[in-house]
Structure formats: C-alpha cells, structure tokens
Protein backbone atom coordinates (compact mmCIF):
# COMPACT_ATOMS: atom_id res chain seq x y z
CA UNK A 1 0.00 0.00 0.00
CA UNK A 2 2.83 2.29 0.86
CA UNK A 3 4.33 1.53 -2.50
CA UNK A 4 1.08 2.33 -4.23
CA UNK A 5 0.84 5.70 -2.48
CA UNK A 6 4.37 6.54 -3.47
CA UNK A 7 3.70 5.65 -7.06
CA UNK A 8 0.56 7.81 -7.08
CA UNK A 9 2.41 10.69 -5.54
CA UNK A 10 5.17 10.30 -8.09
CA UNK A 11 2.72 10.29 -10.95
CA UNK A 12 1.06 13.48 -9.71
CA UNK A 13 4.20 15.43 -9.01
CA UNK A 14 6.13 14.21 -11.99
CA UNK A 15 6.17 16.97 -14.63
CA UNK A 16 3.61 18.87 -12.57
CA UNK A 17 4.02 22.22 -14.38
CA UNK A 18 2.92 20.66 -17.61
CA UNK A 19 0.01 18.96 -15.92
CA UNK A 20 -1.15 22.27 -14.30
CA UNK A 21 -1.01 24.04 -17.63
CA UNK A 22 -3.06 21.30 -19.25
CA UNK A 23 -5.65 21.55 -16.47
CA UNK A 24 -5.97 25.29 -16.89
CA UNK A 25 -6.31 24.98 -20.64
CA UNK A 26 -9.05 22.42 -20.13
CA UNK A 27 -10.91 24.73 -17.79
CA UNK A 28 -10.64 27.61 -20.23
CA UNK A 29 -11.87 25.42 -23.05
CA UNK A 30 -14.80 24.32 -20.94
CA UNK A 31 -15.72 27.86 -19.98
CA UNK A 32 -15.35 29.06 -23.55
CA UNK A 33 -17.56 26.25 -24.68
CA UNK A 34 -20.18 27.10 -22.07
CA UNK A 35 -20.08 30.82 -22.93
CA UNK A 36 -20.32 30.14 -26.63
CA UNK A 37 -23.47 28.23 -25.96
CA UNK A 38 -25.11 31.26 -24.20
CA UNK A 39 -27.28 33.87 -25.89
CA UNK A 40 -26.43 37.58 -25.47
CA UNK A 41 -28.89 40.39 -24.90
CA UNK A 42 -28.20 44.14 -24.51
CA UNK A 43 -30.78 46.40 -22.88
CA UNK A 44 -30.86 50.06 -21.86
CA UNK A 45 -32.07 50.88 -18.38
CA UNK A 46 -32.51 54.19 -16.52
CA UNK A 47 -29.85 55.21 -14.05
CA UNK A 48 -31.30 55.90 -10.61
CA UNK A 49 -29.70 58.32 -8.16
CA UNK A 50 -29.81 57.31 -4.53
CA UNK A 51 -29.00 60.28 -2.33
CA UNK A 52 -30.31 60.02 1.20
CA UNK A 53 -27.52 62.12 2.65
CA UNK A 54 -26.83 65.85 2.51
CA UNK A 55 -25.28 65.92 -0.98
CA UNK A 56 -26.65 65.96 -4.52
CA UNK A 57 -24.93 65.77 -7.92
CA UNK A 58 -24.44 69.05 -9.79
CA UNK A 59 -22.65 67.68 -12.84
CA UNK A 60 -24.31 65.98 -15.78
CA UNK A 61 -24.57 62.22 -15.75
CA UNK A 62 -26.13 59.75 -18.19
CA UNK A 63 -29.83 59.15 -17.73
CA UNK A 64 -29.53 55.57 -19.08
CA UNK A 65 -26.80 52.95 -19.20
CA UNK A 66 -26.35 49.77 -21.26
CA UNK A 67 -26.45 46.34 -19.63
CA UNK A 68 -25.24 43.23 -21.49
CA UNK A 69 -26.67 39.92 -20.26
CA UNK A 70 -25.67 36.35 -21.23
CA UNK A 71 -27.83 33.33 -20.41
CA UNK A 72 -28.86 30.03 -21.88
CA UNK A 73 -31.29 30.27 -24.80
CA UNK A 74 -34.04 28.82 -22.65
CA UNK A 75 -33.58 31.59 -20.05
CA UNK A 76 -32.61 34.65 -22.07
CA UNK A 77 -36.24 35.62 -22.72
CA UNK A 78 -36.69 36.10 -18.96
CA UNK A 79 -34.23 38.99 -18.97
CA UNK A 80 -36.09 42.34 -19.25
CA UNK A 81 -35.33 45.94 -18.32
CA UNK A 82 -37.82 45.72 -15.48
CA UNK A 83 -35.77 43.01 -13.77
CA UNK A 84 -32.55 45.04 -13.62
CA UNK A 85 -31.86 48.30 -11.80
CA UNK A 86 -28.79 50.49 -12.20
CA UNK A 87 -28.12 52.64 -9.12
CA UNK A 88 -25.66 55.43 -8.46
CA UNK A 89 -25.45 55.40 -4.67
CA UNK A 90 -24.32 58.77 -3.21
CA UNK A 91 -25.55 58.23 0.33
CA UNK A 92 -22.15 57.42 1.80
CA UNK A 93 -20.53 60.65 0.57
CA UNK A 94 -20.56 63.30 3.29
CA UNK A 95 -18.35 66.04 1.86
CA UNK A 96 -18.87 68.18 -1.23
CA UNK A 97 -16.44 67.47 -4.04
CA UNK A 98 -15.82 65.36 -7.16
CA UNK A 99 -15.91 61.56 -7.07
CA UNK A 100 -15.80 58.50 -9.35
CA UNK A 101 -18.82 56.46 -8.26
CA UNK A 102 -19.35 52.82 -9.31
CA UNK A 103 -22.67 51.80 -10.82
CA UNK A 104 -24.46 49.20 -8.73
CA UNK A 105 -26.68 46.54 -10.32
CA UNK A 106 -29.72 45.10 -8.60
CA UNK A 107 -31.41 41.98 -10.02
CA UNK A 108 -34.93 40.79 -9.44
CA UNK A 109 -35.60 37.54 -7.64
CA UNK A 110 -36.47 35.84 -10.92
CA UNK A 111 -33.15 36.74 -12.56
CA UNK A 112 -31.23 35.51 -9.53
CA UNK A 113 -32.52 31.97 -10.17
CA UNK A 114 -31.01 31.87 -13.66
CA UNK A 115 -27.76 29.93 -13.89
CA UNK A 116 -25.59 30.63 -15.72
CA UNK A 117 -26.14 34.40 -15.92
CA UNK A 118 -23.51 36.95 -16.90
CA UNK A 119 -24.19 40.71 -16.44
CA UNK A 120 -21.87 43.53 -17.53
CA UNK A 121 -22.51 47.30 -17.30
CA UNK A 122 -21.25 50.07 -19.55
CA UNK A 123 -20.12 52.45 -18.15
CA UNK A 124 -19.47 50.80 -14.83
CA UNK A 125 -18.20 54.01 -13.15
CA UNK A 126 -19.44 57.62 -13.41
CA UNK A 127 -17.70 60.87 -12.52
CA UNK A 128 -19.92 63.21 -10.47
CA UNK A 129 -19.55 66.48 -8.58
CA UNK A 130 -21.49 66.74 -5.34
CA UNK A 131 -22.85 69.80 -3.52
CA UNK A 132 -25.02 70.35 -0.48
CA UNK A 133 -28.74 69.68 -0.80
CA UNK A 134 -31.22 72.59 -0.50
CA UNK A 135 -35.01 73.03 -0.54
CA UNK A 136 -36.87 75.94 -2.14
CA UNK A 137 -40.47 76.83 -3.07
CA UNK A 138 -40.52 78.04 -6.67
CA UNK A 139 -43.47 79.68 -8.50
CA UNK A 140 -45.02 77.88 -11.45
CA UNK A 141 -45.41 79.69 -14.78
CA UNK A 142 -47.80 78.67 -17.57
CA UNK A 143 -46.21 77.88 -20.93
CA UNK A 144 -48.55 78.80 -23.80
CA UNK A 145 -48.90 77.49 -27.33
CA UNK A 146 -50.84 79.35 -30.05
CA UNK A 147 -52.98 82.51 -29.81
CA UNK A 148 -56.72 83.07 -29.14
CA UNK A 149 -59.32 83.74 -31.83
CA UNK A 150 -58.85 86.98 -33.77
CA UNK A 151 -60.41 89.83 -31.78
CA UNK A 152 -59.93 88.08 -28.41
CA UNK A 153 -57.18 88.09 -25.80
CA UNK A 154 -56.18 86.32 -22.57
CA UNK A 155 -57.30 88.67 -19.81
CA UNK A 156 -56.02 86.61 -16.89
CA UNK A 157 -54.67 83.19 -15.96
CA UNK A 158 -54.62 81.09 -12.81
CA UNK A 159 -52.67 77.96 -11.90
CA UNK A 160 -53.31 75.75 -8.86
CA UNK A 161 -51.03 75.12 -7.03
CA UNK A 162 -49.10 78.27 -7.85
CA UNK A 163 -45.76 77.04 -6.45
CA UNK A 164 -43.94 73.76 -5.82
CA UNK A 165 -41.38 72.38 -3.41
CA UNK A 166 -38.10 71.69 -5.20
CA UNK A 167 -35.08 69.78 -3.86
CA UNK A 168 -31.73 70.24 -5.53
CA UNK A 169 -28.18 71.57 -5.30
CA UNK A 170 -28.03 74.91 -3.53
CA UNK A 171 -26.40 76.95 -6.32
CA UNK A 172 -28.81 75.60 -8.95
CA UNK A 173 -31.85 76.41 -6.81
CA UNK A 174 -30.58 79.97 -6.29
CA UNK A 175 -30.58 80.54 -10.06
CA UNK A 176 -33.94 78.87 -10.64
CA UNK A 177 -36.65 81.57 -10.54
CA UNK A 178 -39.57 79.77 -12.22
CA UNK A 179 -40.67 76.32 -13.22
CA UNK A 180 -42.83 76.05 -16.33
CA UNK A 181 -45.70 73.75 -17.16
CA UNK A 182 -45.88 71.74 -20.31
CA UNK A 183 -47.24 73.86 -23.16
CA UNK A 184 -50.99 74.56 -23.02
CA UNK A 185 -52.76 75.11 -26.35
CA UNK A 186 -54.86 78.32 -26.48
CA UNK A 187 -55.14 78.44 -30.27
CA UNK A 188 -58.55 79.76 -31.41
CA UNK A 189 -59.89 80.23 -27.86
CA UNK A 190 -62.73 82.76 -27.43
CA UNK A 191 -64.36 81.58 -24.20
CA UNK A 192 -63.08 80.84 -20.69
CA UNK A 193 -61.69 77.33 -20.14
CA UNK A 194 -59.62 75.18 -17.75
CA UNK A 195 -57.26 72.25 -18.32
CA UNK A 196 -54.99 69.98 -16.30
CA UNK A 197 -51.30 69.81 -17.10
CA UNK A 198 -47.92 68.72 -15.73
CA UNK A 199 -44.64 70.47 -15.06
CA UNK A 200 -41.95 70.47 -17.70
CA UNK A 201 -38.86 70.02 -15.54
CA UNK A 202 -35.96 70.38 -17.94
CA UNK A 203 -33.30 70.10 -15.23
CA UNK A 204 -32.70 66.49 -14.17
CA UNK A 205 -30.76 67.70 -11.12
CA UNK A 206 -33.92 69.09 -9.54
CA UNK A 207 -36.54 66.98 -7.82
CA UNK A 208 -40.11 68.30 -7.57
CA UNK A 209 -42.15 67.25 -4.54
CA UNK A 210 -44.84 66.12 -5.00
CA UNK A 211 -45.17 65.36 -8.69
CA UNK A 212 -48.85 66.11 -9.25
CA UNK A 213 -51.26 67.59 -11.79
CA UNK A 214 -51.77 71.36 -12.09
CA UNK A 215 -55.06 73.04 -12.96
CA UNK A 216 -54.72 75.98 -15.35
CA UNK A 217 -57.64 78.41 -15.92
CA UNK A 218 -57.93 81.10 -18.61
CA UNK A 219 -60.22 84.15 -18.83
CA UNK A 220 -60.74 85.07 -22.51
CA UNK A 221 -62.27 88.49 -23.33
CA UNK A 222 -62.76 90.63 -26.46
CA UNK A 223 -59.67 92.61 -27.39
CA UNK A 224 -59.97 96.41 -27.33
CA UNK A 225 -58.38 98.71 -29.92
CA UNK A 226 -58.31 102.40 -30.81
CA UNK A 227 -59.57 103.74 -34.13
CA UNK A 228 -59.28 107.29 -35.53
CA UNK A 229 -62.14 109.07 -37.31
CA UNK A 230 -61.23 112.33 -39.10
CA UNK A 231 -63.28 115.42 -40.10
CA UNK A 232 -66.35 114.71 -37.98
CA UNK A 233 -68.56 117.82 -37.74
CA UNK A 234 -70.58 118.08 -34.52
CA UNK A 235 -74.30 118.78 -34.79
CA UNK A 236 -76.11 121.38 -32.62
CA UNK A 237 -78.91 120.42 -30.23
CA UNK A 238 -80.96 122.34 -27.65
CA UNK A 239 -80.30 125.87 -28.95
CA UNK A 240 -82.98 128.47 -28.06
CA UNK A 241 -85.20 129.46 -31.02
CA UNK A 242 -84.37 133.14 -30.48
CA UNK A 243 -80.62 132.45 -30.74
CA UNK A 244 -78.34 131.38 -33.55
CA UNK A 245 -74.66 130.40 -33.94
CA UNK A 246 -72.88 132.86 -36.19
CA UNK A 247 -69.42 131.25 -36.02
CA UNK A 248 -68.30 128.23 -37.98
CA UNK A 249 -68.22 124.90 -36.15
CA UNK A 250 -64.99 123.22 -37.17
CA UNK A 251 -64.79 119.43 -37.73
CA UNK A 252 -62.81 117.36 -35.24
CA UNK A 253 -60.84 114.13 -35.16
CA UNK A 254 -62.29 111.48 -32.84
CA UNK A 255 -60.41 108.56 -31.27
CA UNK A 256 -62.77 105.71 -30.32
CA UNK A 257 -62.02 102.75 -28.08
CA UNK A 258 -63.90 99.47 -28.47
CA UNK A 259 -63.64 95.80 -29.27
CA UNK A 260 -62.11 94.67 -32.54
CA UNK A 261 -65.40 93.29 -33.80
CA UNK A 262 -67.41 96.39 -32.83
CA UNK A 263 -65.06 98.88 -34.51
CA UNK A 264 -64.16 96.78 -37.52
CA UNK A 265 -66.88 98.21 -39.80
CA UNK A 266 -68.25 100.96 -37.53
CA UNK A 267 -69.28 104.32 -39.02
CA UNK A 268 -70.17 107.37 -36.92
CA UNK A 269 -73.84 108.40 -37.32
CA UNK A 270 -74.80 112.05 -37.92
CA UNK A 271 -76.21 112.69 -34.43
CA UNK A 272 -73.58 110.71 -32.51
CA UNK A 273 -71.28 113.74 -32.14
CA UNK A 274 -72.98 116.96 -30.94
CA UNK A 275 -72.80 120.08 -28.78
CA UNK A 276 -75.59 120.66 -26.25
CA UNK A 277 -76.60 124.35 -26.18
CA UNK A 278 -79.63 123.96 -23.91
CA UNK A 279 -77.93 125.89 -21.09
CA UNK A 280 -77.14 128.92 -23.27
CA UNK A 281 -79.79 131.63 -22.60
CA UNK A 282 -78.25 134.74 -24.18
CA UNK A 283 -75.89 135.92 -26.88
CA UNK A 284 -72.17 135.66 -26.26
CA UNK A 285 -69.01 133.67 -26.85
CA UNK A 286 -68.87 130.20 -25.30
CA UNK A 287 -66.55 127.22 -25.09
CA UNK A 288 -68.79 124.17 -24.97
CA UNK A 289 -67.91 120.47 -24.61
CA UNK A 290 -68.45 118.12 -27.51
CA UNK A 291 -70.58 115.17 -26.46
CA UNK A 292 -70.83 111.67 -27.89
CA UNK A 293 -73.44 108.96 -28.04
CA UNK A 294 -72.28 105.51 -29.17
CA UNK A 295 -73.07 101.86 -28.49
CA UNK A 296 -72.31 100.01 -25.25
CA UNK A 297 -69.06 98.51 -26.59
CA UNK A 298 -67.71 101.80 -27.98
CA UNK A 299 -66.43 104.82 -26.05
CA UNK A 300 -64.36 107.93 -26.64
CA UNK A 301 -60.74 107.74 -25.53
CA UNK A 302 -60.38 109.67 -22.26
CA UNK A 303 -56.85 110.79 -23.12
CA UNK A 304 -58.22 113.50 -25.41
CA UNK A 305 -60.28 116.62 -24.56
CA UNK A 306 -63.03 117.63 -26.96
CA UNK A 307 -64.37 121.22 -26.81
CA UNK A 308 -65.20 123.94 -29.33
CA UNK A 309 -65.72 127.72 -29.24
CA UNK A 310 -68.93 129.20 -30.64
CA UNK A 311 -70.39 132.71 -31.01
CA UNK A 312 -74.11 132.98 -30.23
CA UNK A 313 -76.21 135.95 -31.43
CA UNK A 314 -79.85 136.99 -31.14
CA UNK A 315 -81.87 135.89 -34.12
CA UNK A 316 -83.32 138.88 -36.08
CA UNK A 317 -87.11 139.08 -36.78
CA UNK A 318 -87.78 138.23 -40.40
CA UNK A 319 -90.81 140.59 -40.80
CA UNK A 320 -88.87 143.57 -39.48
CA UNK A 321 -86.05 142.92 -41.90
CA UNK A 322 -88.45 142.75 -44.84
CA UNK A 323 -90.10 146.13 -43.95
CA UNK A 324 -86.78 147.85 -43.53
CA UNK A 325 -85.65 146.59 -46.92
CA UNK A 326 -88.87 147.81 -48.57
CA UNK A 327 -88.53 151.26 -47.00
CA UNK A 328 -84.94 151.49 -48.18
CA UNK A 329 -86.04 150.65 -51.73
CA UNK A 330 -88.78 153.38 -51.71
CA UNK A 331 -86.36 155.99 -50.41
CA UNK A 332 -83.90 155.02 -53.09
CA UNK A 333 -86.49 155.43 -55.87
CA UNK A 334 -87.59 158.91 -54.56
CA UNK A 335 -84.00 160.12 -54.50
CA UNK A 336 -83.52 158.88 -58.03
CA UNK A 337 -86.65 160.80 -59.29
CA UNK A 338 -85.46 164.07 -57.68
CA UNK A 339 -82.16 163.87 -59.46
CA UNK A 340 -83.82 163.43 -62.91
CA UNK A 341 -86.09 166.65 -62.78
CA UNK A 342 -85.30 169.33 -65.57
CA UNK A 343 -84.22 172.81 -64.37
CA UNK A 344 -86.41 174.88 -66.86
CA UNK A 345 -89.69 173.48 -65.51
CA UNK A 346 -89.52 174.98 -62.05
CA UNK A 347 -93.24 175.13 -61.37
CA UNK A 348 -93.79 171.58 -62.41
CA UNK A 349 -90.81 170.57 -60.43
CA UNK A 350 -92.08 172.38 -57.38
CA UNK A 351 -95.42 170.61 -57.61
CA UNK A 352 -93.71 167.27 -58.04
CA UNK A 353 -91.46 167.95 -55.11
CA UNK A 354 -94.42 168.91 -52.97
CA UNK A 355 -96.27 165.84 -53.98
CA UNK A 356 -93.20 163.76 -53.47
CA UNK A 357 -92.63 165.22 -50.02
CA UNK A 358 -96.20 164.56 -49.06
CA UNK A 359 -96.00 161.06 -50.46
CA UNK A 360 -92.82 160.50 -48.52
CA UNK A 361 -94.47 161.67 -45.31
CA UNK A 362 -97.44 159.42 -45.98
CA UNK A 363 -95.17 156.48 -46.69
CA UNK A 364 -93.13 157.18 -43.57
CA UNK A 365 -96.31 157.47 -41.55
CA UNK A 366 -97.65 154.21 -42.94
CA UNK A 367 -94.34 152.51 -42.41
CA UNK A 368 -94.10 153.65 -38.80
CA UNK A 369 -97.71 152.60 -38.24
CA UNK A 370 -96.93 149.11 -39.63
CA UNK A 371 -93.72 148.81 -37.63
CA UNK A 372 -95.35 149.22 -34.23
CA UNK A 373 -97.43 146.01 -34.31
CA UNK A 374 -94.41 144.09 -35.56
CA UNK A 375 -92.26 145.25 -32.65
CA UNK A 376 -95.05 144.47 -30.24
CA UNK A 377 -95.33 140.99 -31.72
CA UNK A 378 -91.62 140.60 -31.42
CA UNK A 379 -91.66 141.74 -27.80
CA UNK A 380 -94.51 139.41 -27.00
CA UNK A 381 -92.58 136.52 -28.53
CA UNK A 382 -89.56 137.34 -26.46
CA UNK A 383 -91.67 137.57 -23.30
C-alpha cells in the first residue's frame, strides 16, 4: 500500500508544471464552450440616483446605461429591463467634491434563479460632482402654445397650485426663478376654459415634490383697440329758437375705443357727435364740450379733450327785416326821381317835389304805423 501511495504521488508530481497548464487549458476550453453556448442580450435601463444624505450631484450624468446579459437560450427571454436596476449610490458621501462612483446593479428575484447568468454594465463608473442639498419653493409659470381667436385676448390666468417644493443643489436652486408647465394650447380660444397639465422640468438635477397635476384656468375676453375718425362735424342740439350760432363749427378728429369686432366696420352716425346748447340763454361767446353717443361697446378715448368755441347771437325778426328793406327801396327810388327833374320846368318841379314830399311823409307814416305792431309781436314773442 505504501508503495502504491508513493507511485501515485510520483505520478502526480512528476512533470507537474505541464500537468497544471493542461488543467488550466481544459478549464478555459470548458468555460469558452459554455459561454459560446449562451445567448447575449443588450438592454438600456434608466440610471437611478440614490441620495439620502446631505449631498446631490451638480454635474451631468447619463440618464440611461447599457447592460449586457448572457444566459442560456431557454432563459434569455426572462431577462427584461424591469428586472434590472442600475443605481448610483451617493448616500455614503458626506463632503462636497468630485468623485468616481461605481454603478451598482440590482437583479430581481427571478433573474437571480437563472444559472448561468452573466451581467456587464457600460459604463461601470461615473464621474460626479457633489454639492449640499437645498429646498426651495418656486413659483409655477404657464407655458402657452398658439394665440386666441382673432379679436380676443387672454385677460387673466390662474394655476393651482401656484408654487412647488423643489429639492436640488443649492447653487442651482438659487438661479432657478420659475418652473414652467408643459405647453398649453390656447389656439382659437374665445371663451373661458380650464385644463390639467404637468410640469416640464428640464433640469434632471432638480426633484419636484410632489409630482402632481396642475389646474390651469384662462379668462378670454374681447380685445380692445383704438380707431381714428377724421373730419367729424358736430351737430347742434338744444339751442334756443331766439338764438343762432354765427361762427363756424370746425370738424374734429375722434379717437374711439372698443372691441375689434365692434369697430371693424363701424361708421359714426350724424347725431352721434354733438354740442348741447340747452344751457345757453343769451348771446355771447362760449366754449362748450363736444358730447358723444355711441353703443355700449364703444367709447371715446379719455386721453383726449373735446371742446369747441362758438359765437351765439340773437336771431333777427324776419318781418322787421323785410319792412326795412322795402322802406330802403322806396327811399332810393324817390331820391332817383329828384335827381332826374329838368331845371327849366320849375313850377312843375315844385309841384312834383311837394307831392313827393307829401307822399314821402305818408309812406313814412304808414311805415311807422306798420312797424309798431311788428315790434309788439316781437316783444310778445320774447316775453
């Protein structure tokens, strides 16, 4: 027996380097054969940041990484992105600075039962810069897309909640003034409406708490514009019948304010622009305001002052004017006859002059008699 043991020992130790090399080659061949029989699958999975400490990353890092998995053909179909997690664990770092952090892989219980299973990650390490964590409440701003219907505008907006709690690196939070929603379409809107939307957080280094829906409300109203109207002559209303305006009323330029639809084809009516003379009781020079009367949706721009100067005189009686004109014509004819009398017919001329003088007295007497009732009528009208 002792001899047998010695022979066995001799056989094992004899040329042992060669035998070790052969064993290693056999193992490699076996492994290579096993690997060559496995199927390969590459999937992309999101990279999760685990930061339960006081630091957060401030440098950019990949949002996804590639994971290569090898397994037997009968098991490779069980490998999915949901069964593998890639984690960048920053919890153990307590001081701000720059670090090379390894990527940790977590497998589901199902994948752990697969044998053989080979998992490789690319990249397997990530360079990150860490800073202290901070919390800030930041207002939410509505991002708009499109414009309302022609002639309408957005009068006011409301978003609920109006601010959110944001966790992130201190220097990034200091420079973040607003957080915007995803774009809300207001194209063609002409009535009030409300929608629900989400935040559009474009900075992956910031974490919004909680991630919820936001209600956005819009108040849509008709848009107001200004429109100029030139050479509008005011009309006169309320003037006393015994008075008249002797001065010229100059046309004015009017600036109207109203909705786009109300002013689009609007034309000023004749009696819409006027001066009210009902308070004027006697002749004189006045500066009176110009008044306007338009529809409910149209008004005169308050930035401009509209007044005009007028001269008011007493209206003359028409009958009195006619009698005075007739008397002037008679007197003119008498004077003309006196100038045409020949000098050699003195007697005839004297008779004609006497007759003419008497006629003139009669005419004057008749005229004065006719004037008195007219003046009385005029006085009675004035009273």
